[in-house]
Amino acid sequence: MTDDGDLSDSEVPQIAGLDVLQATSAASKQSEFVTECLHSLDRSFAENHTVDNAAIELKTLRMASNVPLGEVRAVVIPYVLRRCNGAAGASDLLARWGGLIANLTGDQEDAMVDCLLVAQDYVATEAGGDARLWLRVLKGFYETDVVSDEAVFAWYKDPRARSTAGDEGKKLWGASRPFLEAIQEDDDSDEEEEEEGDDEDDEED
């Protein structure tokens, strides 16, 4: 102790369990965010909000809670997919609400890949690895701009796509191949049409 009665740095008592308290506080905040996020989604679905209004409410909640978009996607994507009631209702549900998920990517390819990984994990673990549902999810995400062509291929090539949710997740990864082939064929067809159009323009000149 110094002459003026102050404690030196080496003598300042350490608060036992401070790290644990901080971790508990962070976990509590995360739990509160998840609860509020689910309540927000419940309201949006029950009151048939527009996608834009639902997205604004989620954005406000995210900023108030200071959580990254990845944590929002981890809540929103499983919530939406649970509402599909299996493959039969997936197309209509995603046509209505897919845009809400698209709002959570910021048009970033890595965020789009994350959307697919979260959805893959959900279908593999909570939907029994239903390949029909998974293909509807892929198609719905693609048609509502949740993911781009490039993001789908980036997901397929990502090692995480083959390891997410164990064997069931890997089966979904394998079942995705026909969808990717269809996208590739569409891209090739579009390129051929553009080339033909360019040739016709050259002939007219």
N, C-alpha and C. Protein backbone atom coordinates (compact mmCIF):
# COMPACT_ATOMS: atom_id res chain seq x y z
N MET A 1 0.84 -1.20 0.00
CA MET A 1 0.00 0.00 0.00
C MET A 1 0.88 1.25 0.00
N THR A 2 0.49 2.26 -0.76
CA THR A 2 1.27 3.49 -0.82
C THR A 2 0.98 4.36 0.38
N ASP A 3 1.82 5.43 0.58
CA ASP A 3 1.70 6.28 1.75
C ASP A 3 0.36 6.99 1.84
N ASP A 4 -0.26 7.31 0.69
CA ASP A 4 -1.51 8.05 0.76
C ASP A 4 -2.72 7.15 0.90
N GLY A 5 -2.48 5.87 1.12
CA GLY A 5 -3.58 4.96 1.39
C GLY A 5 -4.18 4.33 0.15
N ASP A 6 -3.70 4.69 -1.07
CA ASP A 6 -4.23 4.10 -2.30
C ASP A 6 -3.61 2.74 -2.53
N LEU A 7 -4.34 1.88 -3.17
CA LEU A 7 -3.82 0.57 -3.51
C LEU A 7 -3.01 0.67 -4.80
N SER A 8 -1.87 0.02 -4.82
CA SER A 8 -1.10 -0.04 -6.06
C SER A 8 -1.79 -1.03 -7.00
N ASP A 9 -1.40 -1.00 -8.27
CA ASP A 9 -2.03 -1.88 -9.25
C ASP A 9 -1.94 -3.34 -8.83
N SER A 10 -0.80 -3.70 -8.24
CA SER A 10 -0.61 -5.11 -7.88
C SER A 10 -1.46 -5.51 -6.69
N GLU A 11 -1.96 -4.50 -5.94
CA GLU A 11 -2.73 -4.80 -4.74
C GLU A 11 -4.24 -4.68 -4.95
N VAL A 12 -4.66 -4.26 -6.18
CA VAL A 12 -6.10 -4.15 -6.45
C VAL A 12 -6.70 -5.54 -6.43
N PRO A 13 -7.71 -5.76 -5.60
CA PRO A 13 -8.30 -7.10 -5.52
C PRO A 13 -9.01 -7.48 -6.81
N GLN A 14 -8.86 -8.73 -7.22
CA GLN A 14 -9.54 -9.24 -8.42
C GLN A 14 -10.95 -9.70 -8.04
N ILE A 15 -11.92 -9.37 -8.87
CA ILE A 15 -13.29 -9.80 -8.59
C ILE A 15 -13.45 -11.24 -9.06
N ALA A 16 -13.70 -12.11 -8.12
CA ALA A 16 -13.82 -13.53 -8.45
C ALA A 16 -15.00 -13.76 -9.38
N GLY A 17 -14.76 -14.54 -10.43
CA GLY A 17 -15.83 -14.91 -11.34
C GLY A 17 -16.27 -13.82 -12.29
N LEU A 18 -15.47 -12.76 -12.47
CA LEU A 18 -15.87 -11.65 -13.34
C LEU A 18 -16.10 -12.13 -14.78
N ASP A 19 -15.20 -12.97 -15.28
CA ASP A 19 -15.35 -13.49 -16.64
C ASP A 19 -16.65 -14.25 -16.80
N VAL A 20 -16.98 -15.03 -15.79
CA VAL A 20 -18.22 -15.81 -15.84
C VAL A 20 -19.43 -14.88 -15.85
N LEU A 21 -19.37 -13.82 -15.03
CA LEU A 21 -20.48 -12.86 -14.99
C LEU A 21 -20.66 -12.17 -16.33
N GLN A 22 -19.54 -11.80 -16.96
CA GLN A 22 -19.62 -11.14 -18.26
C GLN A 22 -20.19 -12.07 -19.32
N ALA A 23 -19.76 -13.32 -19.29
CA ALA A 23 -20.27 -14.30 -20.25
C ALA A 23 -21.75 -14.54 -20.04
N THR A 24 -22.16 -14.60 -18.76
CA THR A 24 -23.57 -14.81 -18.44
C THR A 24 -24.41 -13.64 -18.91
N SER A 25 -23.87 -12.43 -18.76
CA SER A 25 -24.58 -11.23 -19.20
C SER A 25 -24.77 -11.24 -20.71
N ALA A 26 -23.71 -11.63 -21.44
CA ALA A 26 -23.79 -11.69 -22.90
C ALA A 26 -24.81 -12.73 -23.35
N ALA A 27 -24.81 -13.87 -22.66
CA ALA A 27 -25.76 -14.92 -23.00
C ALA A 27 -27.19 -14.48 -22.72
N SER A 28 -27.36 -13.71 -21.64
CA SER A 28 -28.68 -13.20 -21.29
C SER A 28 -29.19 -12.23 -22.35
N LYS A 29 -28.29 -11.35 -22.82
CA LYS A 29 -28.67 -10.40 -23.87
C LYS A 29 -29.05 -11.13 -25.16
N GLN A 30 -28.28 -12.19 -25.49
CA GLN A 30 -28.57 -12.97 -26.69
C GLN A 30 -29.94 -13.63 -26.56
N SER A 31 -30.22 -14.17 -25.38
CA SER A 31 -31.51 -14.82 -25.13
C SER A 31 -32.66 -13.82 -25.27
N GLU A 32 -32.45 -12.60 -24.75
CA GLU A 32 -33.47 -11.56 -24.86
C GLU A 32 -33.71 -11.18 -26.31
N PHE A 33 -32.63 -11.09 -27.08
CA PHE A 33 -32.76 -10.75 -28.49
C PHE A 33 -33.56 -11.82 -29.22
N VAL A 34 -33.22 -13.08 -28.99
CA VAL A 34 -33.92 -14.18 -29.66
C VAL A 34 -35.42 -14.13 -29.33
N THR A 35 -35.72 -13.91 -28.07
CA THR A 35 -37.13 -13.83 -27.64
C THR A 35 -37.86 -12.69 -28.35
N GLU A 36 -37.24 -11.51 -28.38
CA GLU A 36 -37.86 -10.36 -29.04
C GLU A 36 -37.99 -10.57 -30.54
N CYS A 37 -36.99 -11.20 -31.12
CA CYS A 37 -37.01 -11.48 -32.55
C CYS A 37 -38.16 -12.42 -32.91
N LEU A 38 -38.35 -13.44 -32.11
CA LEU A 38 -39.44 -14.39 -32.35
C LEU A 38 -40.80 -13.72 -32.17
N HIS A 39 -40.91 -12.85 -31.17
CA HIS A 39 -42.16 -12.11 -30.98
C HIS A 39 -42.46 -11.23 -32.18
N SER A 40 -41.42 -10.58 -32.71
CA SER A 40 -41.57 -9.73 -33.88
C SER A 40 -42.05 -10.54 -35.08
N LEU A 41 -41.46 -11.70 -35.28
CA LEU A 41 -41.86 -12.56 -36.39
C LEU A 41 -43.28 -13.08 -36.21
N ASP A 42 -43.63 -13.43 -34.98
CA ASP A 42 -45.00 -13.87 -34.70
C ASP A 42 -46.01 -12.81 -35.11
N ARG A 43 -45.73 -11.56 -34.75
CA ARG A 43 -46.63 -10.46 -35.09
C ARG A 43 -46.72 -10.29 -36.61
N SER A 44 -45.57 -10.32 -37.26
CA SER A 44 -45.53 -10.11 -38.70
C SER A 44 -46.36 -11.16 -39.44
N PHE A 45 -46.24 -12.40 -39.02
CA PHE A 45 -47.00 -13.47 -39.67
C PHE A 45 -48.48 -13.40 -39.30
N ALA A 46 -48.76 -13.18 -38.02
CA ALA A 46 -50.16 -13.16 -37.57
C ALA A 46 -50.93 -12.00 -38.18
N GLU A 47 -50.27 -10.85 -38.31
CA GLU A 47 -50.94 -9.65 -38.81
C GLU A 47 -50.69 -9.43 -40.30
N ASN A 48 -50.03 -10.40 -40.93
CA ASN A 48 -49.79 -10.36 -42.38
C ASN A 48 -49.10 -9.06 -42.80
N HIS A 49 -48.04 -8.71 -42.10
CA HIS A 49 -47.27 -7.52 -42.44
C HIS A 49 -46.65 -7.66 -43.83
N THR A 50 -46.32 -6.56 -44.44
CA THR A 50 -45.52 -6.61 -45.66
C THR A 50 -44.10 -7.03 -45.30
N VAL A 51 -43.39 -7.55 -46.28
CA VAL A 51 -42.00 -7.94 -46.06
C VAL A 51 -41.17 -6.72 -45.65
N ASP A 52 -41.44 -5.58 -46.28
CA ASP A 52 -40.68 -4.37 -45.95
C ASP A 52 -40.88 -3.96 -44.50
N ASN A 53 -42.11 -3.98 -44.03
CA ASN A 53 -42.38 -3.59 -42.64
C ASN A 53 -41.77 -4.58 -41.65
N ALA A 54 -41.86 -5.86 -41.98
CA ALA A 54 -41.26 -6.88 -41.10
C ALA A 54 -39.75 -6.71 -41.05
N ALA A 55 -39.15 -6.39 -42.20
CA ALA A 55 -37.70 -6.20 -42.26
C ALA A 55 -37.27 -4.98 -41.45
N ILE A 56 -38.05 -3.91 -41.53
CA ILE A 56 -37.73 -2.70 -40.76
C ILE A 56 -37.79 -2.98 -39.26
N GLU A 57 -38.78 -3.74 -38.85
CA GLU A 57 -38.91 -4.07 -37.42
C GLU A 57 -37.72 -4.90 -36.95
N LEU A 58 -37.29 -5.85 -37.78
CA LEU A 58 -36.13 -6.67 -37.42
C LEU A 58 -34.86 -5.83 -37.38
N LYS A 59 -34.72 -4.92 -38.34
CA LYS A 59 -33.53 -4.07 -38.37
C LYS A 59 -33.46 -3.19 -37.13
N THR A 60 -34.61 -2.63 -36.73
CA THR A 60 -34.65 -1.79 -35.52
C THR A 60 -34.26 -2.59 -34.29
N LEU A 61 -34.79 -3.80 -34.21
CA LEU A 61 -34.49 -4.68 -33.08
C LEU A 61 -33.02 -5.06 -33.06
N ARG A 62 -32.47 -5.35 -34.24
CA ARG A 62 -31.05 -5.73 -34.31
C ARG A 62 -30.15 -4.60 -33.86
N MET A 63 -30.45 -3.39 -34.31
CA MET A 63 -29.62 -2.25 -33.94
C MET A 63 -29.73 -1.94 -32.45
N ALA A 64 -30.93 -2.07 -31.91
CA ALA A 64 -31.12 -1.82 -30.48
C ALA A 64 -30.39 -2.86 -29.64
N SER A 65 -30.32 -4.09 -30.16
CA SER A 65 -29.68 -5.18 -29.41
C SER A 65 -28.20 -5.31 -29.74
N ASN A 66 -27.76 -4.59 -30.80
CA ASN A 66 -26.35 -4.61 -31.21
C ASN A 66 -25.84 -6.02 -31.48
N VAL A 67 -26.59 -6.74 -32.32
CA VAL A 67 -26.16 -8.09 -32.72
C VAL A 67 -25.87 -8.10 -34.22
N PRO A 68 -24.96 -8.95 -34.67
CA PRO A 68 -24.63 -9.01 -36.10
C PRO A 68 -25.74 -9.68 -36.90
N LEU A 69 -25.75 -9.43 -38.19
CA LEU A 69 -26.79 -9.99 -39.06
C LEU A 69 -26.80 -11.52 -39.02
N GLY A 70 -25.65 -12.12 -38.82
CA GLY A 70 -25.59 -13.58 -38.78
C GLY A 70 -26.48 -14.16 -37.69
N GLU A 71 -26.55 -13.47 -36.55
CA GLU A 71 -27.39 -13.95 -35.46
C GLU A 71 -28.87 -13.79 -35.79
N VAL A 72 -29.19 -12.75 -36.56
CA VAL A 72 -30.57 -12.56 -36.99
C VAL A 72 -30.97 -13.67 -37.96
N ARG A 73 -30.09 -13.98 -38.90
CA ARG A 73 -30.37 -15.06 -39.86
C ARG A 73 -30.57 -16.39 -39.14
N ALA A 74 -29.79 -16.61 -38.09
CA ALA A 74 -29.87 -17.87 -37.35
C ALA A 74 -31.23 -18.05 -36.68
N VAL A 75 -31.93 -16.95 -36.44
CA VAL A 75 -33.28 -17.02 -35.85
C VAL A 75 -34.35 -17.02 -36.94
N VAL A 76 -34.20 -16.13 -37.91
CA VAL A 76 -35.26 -15.92 -38.92
C VAL A 76 -35.41 -17.10 -39.86
N ILE A 77 -34.31 -17.65 -40.35
CA ILE A 77 -34.41 -18.72 -41.35
C ILE A 77 -35.11 -19.96 -40.80
N PRO A 78 -34.71 -20.51 -39.64
CA PRO A 78 -35.45 -21.65 -39.11
C PRO A 78 -36.92 -21.31 -38.84
N TYR A 79 -37.19 -20.09 -38.36
CA TYR A 79 -38.57 -19.69 -38.08
C TYR A 79 -39.41 -19.77 -39.36
N VAL A 80 -38.90 -19.19 -40.44
CA VAL A 80 -39.65 -19.20 -41.70
C VAL A 80 -39.83 -20.62 -42.21
N LEU A 81 -38.78 -21.43 -42.15
CA LEU A 81 -38.85 -22.79 -42.68
C LEU A 81 -39.80 -23.66 -41.87
N ARG A 82 -39.91 -23.41 -40.58
CA ARG A 82 -40.88 -24.16 -39.77
C ARG A 82 -42.31 -23.90 -40.24
N ARG A 83 -42.54 -22.70 -40.74
CA ARG A 83 -43.88 -22.33 -41.21
C ARG A 83 -44.23 -22.97 -42.55
N CYS A 84 -43.27 -23.61 -43.20
CA CYS A 84 -43.55 -24.23 -44.50
C CYS A 84 -44.45 -25.46 -44.38
N ASN A 85 -44.44 -26.09 -43.20
CA ASN A 85 -45.18 -27.34 -43.02
C ASN A 85 -44.77 -28.39 -44.05
N GLY A 86 -43.47 -28.54 -44.23
CA GLY A 86 -42.96 -29.55 -45.15
C GLY A 86 -42.85 -29.03 -46.58
N ALA A 87 -42.50 -29.95 -47.47
CA ALA A 87 -42.25 -29.57 -48.87
C ALA A 87 -43.49 -29.01 -49.55
N ALA A 88 -44.66 -29.50 -49.19
CA ALA A 88 -45.89 -29.11 -49.88
C ALA A 88 -46.16 -27.62 -49.79
N GLY A 89 -45.85 -27.01 -48.65
CA GLY A 89 -46.15 -25.60 -48.48
C GLY A 89 -44.97 -24.67 -48.67
N ALA A 90 -43.81 -25.24 -49.00
CA ALA A 90 -42.58 -24.44 -49.05
C ALA A 90 -42.60 -23.40 -50.16
N SER A 91 -43.05 -23.77 -51.34
CA SER A 91 -43.00 -22.84 -52.48
C SER A 91 -43.81 -21.58 -52.21
N ASP A 92 -45.05 -21.74 -51.76
CA ASP A 92 -45.91 -20.58 -51.51
C ASP A 92 -45.39 -19.75 -50.34
N LEU A 93 -44.94 -20.41 -49.30
CA LEU A 93 -44.46 -19.69 -48.11
C LEU A 93 -43.22 -18.87 -48.44
N LEU A 94 -42.31 -19.45 -49.19
CA LEU A 94 -41.08 -18.73 -49.53
C LEU A 94 -41.33 -17.64 -50.56
N ALA A 95 -42.31 -17.86 -51.44
CA ALA A 95 -42.67 -16.79 -52.38
C ALA A 95 -43.19 -15.57 -51.62
N ARG A 96 -43.87 -15.82 -50.49
CA ARG A 96 -44.42 -14.74 -49.67
C ARG A 96 -43.38 -14.10 -48.77
N TRP A 97 -42.50 -14.92 -48.15
CA TRP A 97 -41.62 -14.42 -47.11
C TRP A 97 -40.13 -14.52 -47.42
N GLY A 98 -39.78 -15.07 -48.57
CA GLY A 98 -38.36 -15.18 -48.91
C GLY A 98 -37.65 -13.84 -48.92
N GLY A 99 -38.36 -12.80 -49.31
CA GLY A 99 -37.76 -11.47 -49.35
C GLY A 99 -37.29 -10.99 -47.99
N LEU A 100 -37.93 -11.49 -46.93
CA LEU A 100 -37.50 -11.10 -45.58
C LEU A 100 -36.11 -11.63 -45.29
N ILE A 101 -35.84 -12.85 -45.75
CA ILE A 101 -34.50 -13.42 -45.58
C ILE A 101 -33.50 -12.70 -46.48
N ALA A 102 -33.94 -12.35 -47.69
CA ALA A 102 -33.06 -11.64 -48.62
C ALA A 102 -32.59 -10.32 -48.04
N ASN A 103 -33.40 -9.70 -47.21
CA ASN A 103 -33.04 -8.44 -46.56
C ASN A 103 -31.89 -8.61 -45.57
N LEU A 104 -31.57 -9.84 -45.22
CA LEU A 104 -30.56 -10.09 -44.19
C LEU A 104 -29.21 -10.48 -44.76
N THR A 105 -29.03 -10.28 -46.06
CA THR A 105 -27.75 -10.66 -46.67
C THR A 105 -26.88 -9.45 -47.03
N GLY A 106 -27.51 -8.29 -47.21
CA GLY A 106 -26.75 -7.13 -47.64
C GLY A 106 -26.13 -7.34 -49.01
N ASP A 107 -26.71 -8.26 -49.80
CA ASP A 107 -26.20 -8.59 -51.14
C ASP A 107 -24.76 -9.10 -51.11
N GLN A 108 -24.36 -9.63 -49.96
CA GLN A 108 -23.00 -10.16 -49.82
C GLN A 108 -23.00 -11.67 -50.04
N GLU A 109 -22.09 -12.15 -50.88
CA GLU A 109 -22.07 -13.57 -51.20
C GLU A 109 -21.84 -14.44 -49.97
N ASP A 110 -20.95 -14.02 -49.07
CA ASP A 110 -20.69 -14.84 -47.88
C ASP A 110 -21.94 -14.94 -47.00
N ALA A 111 -22.74 -13.86 -46.95
CA ALA A 111 -23.99 -13.89 -46.18
C ALA A 111 -25.00 -14.81 -46.85
N MET A 112 -25.02 -14.85 -48.18
CA MET A 112 -25.92 -15.75 -48.91
C MET A 112 -25.54 -17.20 -48.64
N VAL A 113 -24.24 -17.47 -48.65
CA VAL A 113 -23.76 -18.82 -48.33
C VAL A 113 -24.18 -19.21 -46.92
N ASP A 114 -24.08 -18.25 -46.00
CA ASP A 114 -24.50 -18.51 -44.62
C ASP A 114 -25.98 -18.87 -44.56
N CYS A 115 -26.81 -18.19 -45.35
CA CYS A 115 -28.24 -18.50 -45.40
C CYS A 115 -28.46 -19.96 -45.79
N LEU A 116 -27.72 -20.41 -46.79
CA LEU A 116 -27.86 -21.80 -47.24
C LEU A 116 -27.38 -22.78 -46.17
N LEU A 117 -26.31 -22.44 -45.48
CA LEU A 117 -25.80 -23.32 -44.42
C LEU A 117 -26.80 -23.43 -43.27
N VAL A 118 -27.40 -22.31 -42.90
CA VAL A 118 -28.40 -22.31 -41.82
C VAL A 118 -29.61 -23.14 -42.25
N ALA A 119 -30.06 -22.94 -43.48
CA ALA A 119 -31.21 -23.70 -43.98
C ALA A 119 -30.88 -25.18 -44.09
N GLN A 120 -29.68 -25.50 -44.55
CA GLN A 120 -29.25 -26.89 -44.66
C GLN A 120 -29.27 -27.57 -43.29
N ASP A 121 -28.75 -26.87 -42.30
CA ASP A 121 -28.73 -27.42 -40.94
C ASP A 121 -30.15 -27.66 -40.44
N TYR A 122 -31.04 -26.71 -40.71
CA TYR A 122 -32.44 -26.87 -40.26
C TYR A 122 -33.09 -28.10 -40.91
N VAL A 123 -32.97 -28.20 -42.24
CA VAL A 123 -33.64 -29.31 -42.94
C VAL A 123 -33.05 -30.65 -42.50
N ALA A 124 -31.73 -30.68 -42.28
CA ALA A 124 -31.08 -31.93 -41.89
C ALA A 124 -31.44 -32.36 -40.48
N THR A 125 -31.55 -31.40 -39.57
CA THR A 125 -31.74 -31.75 -38.15
C THR A 125 -33.20 -31.68 -37.69
N GLU A 126 -33.95 -30.72 -38.19
CA GLU A 126 -35.32 -30.56 -37.70
C GLU A 126 -36.38 -31.07 -38.67
N ALA A 127 -36.01 -31.24 -39.92
CA ALA A 127 -36.97 -31.72 -40.92
C ALA A 127 -36.61 -33.11 -41.44
N GLY A 128 -35.81 -33.82 -40.66
CA GLY A 128 -35.52 -35.21 -40.99
C GLY A 128 -34.74 -35.42 -42.28
N GLY A 129 -34.03 -34.39 -42.73
CA GLY A 129 -33.25 -34.54 -43.96
C GLY A 129 -34.12 -34.69 -45.20
N ASP A 130 -35.29 -34.06 -45.19
CA ASP A 130 -36.24 -34.15 -46.30
C ASP A 130 -35.66 -33.50 -47.56
N ALA A 131 -35.23 -34.31 -48.52
CA ALA A 131 -34.59 -33.79 -49.73
C ALA A 131 -35.58 -32.99 -50.58
N ARG A 132 -36.86 -33.38 -50.59
CA ARG A 132 -37.86 -32.64 -51.36
C ARG A 132 -38.00 -31.22 -50.81
N LEU A 133 -38.06 -31.12 -49.49
CA LEU A 133 -38.14 -29.80 -48.87
C LEU A 133 -36.89 -28.99 -49.20
N TRP A 134 -35.74 -29.62 -49.12
CA TRP A 134 -34.48 -28.92 -49.36
C TRP A 134 -34.42 -28.34 -50.78
N LEU A 135 -34.87 -29.12 -51.76
CA LEU A 135 -34.86 -28.63 -53.14
C LEU A 135 -35.86 -27.48 -53.31
N ARG A 136 -36.98 -27.54 -52.60
CA ARG A 136 -37.94 -26.42 -52.65
C ARG A 136 -37.33 -25.17 -52.00
N VAL A 137 -36.57 -25.38 -50.93
CA VAL A 137 -35.91 -24.26 -50.26
C VAL A 137 -34.89 -23.62 -51.20
N LEU A 138 -34.08 -24.45 -51.84
CA LEU A 138 -33.09 -23.93 -52.79
C LEU A 138 -33.78 -23.11 -53.88
N LYS A 139 -34.84 -23.67 -54.45
CA LYS A 139 -35.56 -22.99 -55.53
C LYS A 139 -36.19 -21.70 -55.02
N GLY A 140 -36.80 -21.76 -53.81
CA GLY A 140 -37.44 -20.58 -53.24
C GLY A 140 -36.44 -19.48 -52.93
N PHE A 141 -35.30 -19.85 -52.37
CA PHE A 141 -34.24 -18.87 -52.08
C PHE A 141 -33.74 -18.23 -53.37
N TYR A 142 -33.59 -19.04 -54.40
CA TYR A 142 -33.07 -18.54 -55.67
C TYR A 142 -34.07 -17.58 -56.32
N GLU A 143 -35.35 -17.94 -56.29
CA GLU A 143 -36.36 -17.13 -56.96
C GLU A 143 -36.70 -15.85 -56.22
N THR A 144 -36.42 -15.79 -54.93
CA THR A 144 -36.71 -14.57 -54.16
C THR A 144 -35.44 -13.77 -53.85
N ASP A 145 -34.36 -14.10 -54.56
CA ASP A 145 -33.10 -13.35 -54.46
C ASP A 145 -32.44 -13.43 -53.09
N VAL A 146 -32.76 -14.48 -52.34
CA VAL A 146 -31.99 -14.72 -51.12
C VAL A 146 -30.56 -15.08 -51.51
N VAL A 147 -30.44 -15.84 -52.59
CA VAL A 147 -29.12 -16.25 -53.08
C VAL A 147 -29.01 -15.99 -54.58
N SER A 148 -27.80 -15.76 -55.02
CA SER A 148 -27.51 -15.58 -56.44
C SER A 148 -26.94 -16.89 -57.00
N ASP A 149 -26.81 -16.94 -58.33
CA ASP A 149 -26.17 -18.11 -58.96
C ASP A 149 -24.81 -18.37 -58.32
N GLU A 150 -24.03 -17.29 -58.23
CA GLU A 150 -22.67 -17.42 -57.71
C GLU A 150 -22.65 -17.94 -56.28
N ALA A 151 -23.60 -17.48 -55.48
CA ALA A 151 -23.65 -17.90 -54.07
C ALA A 151 -24.00 -19.38 -53.94
N VAL A 152 -24.90 -19.86 -54.80
CA VAL A 152 -25.26 -21.28 -54.76
C VAL A 152 -24.04 -22.14 -55.07
N PHE A 153 -23.29 -21.77 -56.10
CA PHE A 153 -22.08 -22.53 -56.45
C PHE A 153 -21.00 -22.39 -55.38
N ALA A 154 -20.91 -21.20 -54.78
CA ALA A 154 -19.93 -20.99 -53.71
C ALA A 154 -20.27 -21.87 -52.51
N TRP A 155 -21.57 -21.97 -52.19
CA TRP A 155 -21.99 -22.85 -51.10
C TRP A 155 -21.63 -24.30 -51.41
N TYR A 156 -21.91 -24.73 -52.63
CA TYR A 156 -21.68 -26.13 -53.02
C TYR A 156 -20.20 -26.49 -52.91
N LYS A 157 -19.33 -25.53 -53.23
CA LYS A 157 -17.89 -25.77 -53.19
C LYS A 157 -17.30 -25.60 -51.79
N ASP A 158 -18.05 -24.98 -50.89
CA ASP A 158 -17.57 -24.70 -49.55
C ASP A 158 -17.49 -26.01 -48.73
N PRO A 159 -16.35 -26.31 -48.10
CA PRO A 159 -16.24 -27.54 -47.30
C PRO A 159 -17.31 -27.65 -46.22
N ARG A 160 -17.80 -26.51 -45.73
CA ARG A 160 -18.83 -26.55 -44.69
C ARG A 160 -20.13 -27.18 -45.19
N ALA A 161 -20.39 -27.07 -46.49
CA ALA A 161 -21.62 -27.64 -47.05
C ALA A 161 -21.61 -29.16 -46.98
N ARG A 162 -20.43 -29.75 -46.95
CA ARG A 162 -20.33 -31.21 -46.88
C ARG A 162 -20.23 -31.71 -45.45
N SER A 163 -20.04 -30.80 -44.50
CA SER A 163 -19.87 -31.23 -43.11
C SER A 163 -20.99 -30.76 -42.19
N THR A 164 -21.82 -29.83 -42.65
CA THR A 164 -22.91 -29.32 -41.82
C THR A 164 -23.92 -30.42 -41.52
N ALA A 165 -24.25 -30.59 -40.26
CA ALA A 165 -25.28 -31.53 -39.79
C ALA A 165 -24.99 -32.99 -40.16
N GLY A 166 -23.73 -33.34 -40.21
CA GLY A 166 -23.36 -34.74 -40.36
C GLY A 166 -23.81 -35.39 -41.66
N ASP A 167 -24.17 -36.68 -41.56
CA ASP A 167 -24.53 -37.46 -42.74
C ASP A 167 -25.77 -36.91 -43.44
N GLU A 168 -26.76 -36.48 -42.64
CA GLU A 168 -27.99 -35.96 -43.26
C GLU A 168 -27.70 -34.69 -44.06
N GLY A 169 -26.85 -33.84 -43.50
CA GLY A 169 -26.48 -32.62 -44.21
C GLY A 169 -25.73 -32.92 -45.49
N LYS A 170 -24.86 -33.94 -45.45
CA LYS A 170 -24.10 -34.31 -46.63
C LYS A 170 -25.02 -34.87 -47.72
N LYS A 171 -26.06 -35.59 -47.31
CA LYS A 171 -27.03 -36.11 -48.28
C LYS A 171 -27.73 -34.95 -49.00
N LEU A 172 -28.07 -33.91 -48.24
CA LEU A 172 -28.72 -32.75 -48.85
C LEU A 172 -27.78 -32.06 -49.83
N TRP A 173 -26.50 -31.99 -49.45
CA TRP A 173 -25.50 -31.41 -50.35
C TRP A 173 -25.48 -32.19 -51.66
N GLY A 174 -25.47 -33.50 -51.58
CA GLY A 174 -25.46 -34.33 -52.77
C GLY A 174 -26.74 -34.20 -53.59
N ALA A 175 -27.86 -34.06 -52.90
CA ALA A 175 -29.16 -33.94 -53.58
C ALA A 175 -29.30 -32.61 -54.33
N SER A 176 -28.41 -31.67 -54.04
CA SER A 176 -28.48 -30.34 -54.66
C SER A 176 -27.95 -30.32 -56.09
N ARG A 177 -27.24 -31.34 -56.47
CA ARG A 177 -26.54 -31.31 -57.77
C ARG A 177 -27.48 -31.04 -58.95
N PRO A 178 -28.65 -31.71 -59.05
CA PRO A 178 -29.54 -31.42 -60.19
C PRO A 178 -29.96 -29.96 -60.25
N PHE A 179 -30.15 -29.34 -59.10
CA PHE A 179 -30.53 -27.92 -59.08
C PHE A 179 -29.41 -27.06 -59.64
N LEU A 180 -28.18 -27.35 -59.23
CA LEU A 180 -27.05 -26.59 -59.75
C LEU A 180 -26.86 -26.80 -61.24
N GLU A 181 -27.10 -28.02 -61.69
CA GLU A 181 -26.98 -28.30 -63.12
C GLU A 181 -28.03 -27.52 -63.91
N ALA A 182 -29.24 -27.40 -63.34
CA ALA A 182 -30.30 -26.64 -64.00
C ALA A 182 -29.92 -25.16 -64.10
N ILE A 183 -29.34 -24.63 -63.04
CA ILE A 183 -28.89 -23.24 -63.06
C ILE A 183 -27.82 -23.05 -64.13
N GLN A 184 -26.89 -23.98 -64.19
CA GLN A 184 -25.80 -23.89 -65.17
C GLN A 184 -26.35 -23.93 -66.59
N GLU A 185 -27.34 -24.79 -66.82
CA GLU A 185 -27.95 -24.88 -68.16
C GLU A 185 -28.63 -23.58 -68.53
N ASP A 186 -29.34 -22.97 -67.56
CA ASP A 186 -30.00 -21.69 -67.81
C ASP A 186 -28.97 -20.61 -68.16
N ASP A 187 -27.87 -20.60 -67.41
CA ASP A 187 -26.81 -19.62 -67.66
C ASP A 187 -26.22 -19.81 -69.05
N ASP A 188 -25.97 -21.07 -69.42
CA ASP A 188 -25.39 -21.36 -70.73
C ASP A 188 -26.35 -20.96 -71.84
N SER A 189 -27.66 -21.21 -71.61
CA SER A 189 -28.67 -20.85 -72.60
C SER A 189 -28.75 -19.35 -72.79
N ASP A 190 -28.69 -18.62 -71.67
CA ASP A 190 -28.72 -17.15 -71.73
C ASP A 190 -27.52 -16.62 -72.50
N GLU A 191 -26.36 -17.22 -72.27
CA GLU A 191 -25.15 -16.78 -72.96
C GLU A 191 -25.26 -17.03 -74.47
N GLU A 192 -25.84 -18.18 -74.85
CA GLU A 192 -26.00 -18.50 -76.26
C GLU A 192 -26.94 -17.52 -76.94
N GLU A 193 -28.03 -17.16 -76.24
CA GLU A 193 -28.98 -16.20 -76.80
C GLU A 193 -28.33 -14.84 -76.99
N GLU A 194 -27.51 -14.43 -76.02
CA GLU A 194 -26.82 -13.15 -76.15
C GLU A 194 -25.85 -13.15 -77.33
N GLU A 195 -25.14 -14.28 -77.50
CA GLU A 195 -24.20 -14.39 -78.60
C GLU A 195 -24.92 -14.35 -79.95
N GLU A 196 -26.09 -15.04 -80.03
CA GLU A 196 -26.87 -15.03 -81.25
C GLU A 196 -27.36 -13.63 -81.57
N GLY A 197 -27.78 -12.92 -80.51
CA GLY A 197 -28.24 -11.54 -80.70
C GLY A 197 -27.12 -10.64 -81.19
N ASP A 198 -25.93 -10.85 -80.68
CA ASP A 198 -24.77 -10.05 -81.13
C ASP A 198 -24.44 -10.34 -82.58
N ASP A 199 -24.55 -11.63 -82.98
CA ASP A 199 -24.26 -12.02 -84.37
C ASP A 199 -25.25 -11.37 -85.33
N GLU A 200 -26.55 -11.35 -84.91
CA GLU A 200 -27.57 -10.74 -85.75
C GLU A 200 -27.32 -9.24 -85.92
N ASP A 201 -26.89 -8.59 -84.84
CA ASP A 201 -26.58 -7.16 -84.91
C ASP A 201 -25.42 -6.92 -85.87
N ASP A 202 -24.43 -7.80 -85.84
CA ASP A 202 -23.27 -7.65 -86.73
C ASP A 202 -23.67 -7.81 -88.20
N GLU A 203 -24.60 -8.75 -88.46
CA GLU A 203 -25.06 -8.97 -89.83
C GLU A 203 -25.81 -7.77 -90.36
N GLU A 204 -26.64 -7.15 -89.48
CA GLU A 204 -27.41 -5.97 -89.88
C GLU A 204 -26.49 -4.80 -90.22
N ASP A 205 -25.38 -4.71 -89.49
CA ASP A 205 -24.42 -3.64 -89.77
C ASP A 205 -23.79 -3.85 -91.14
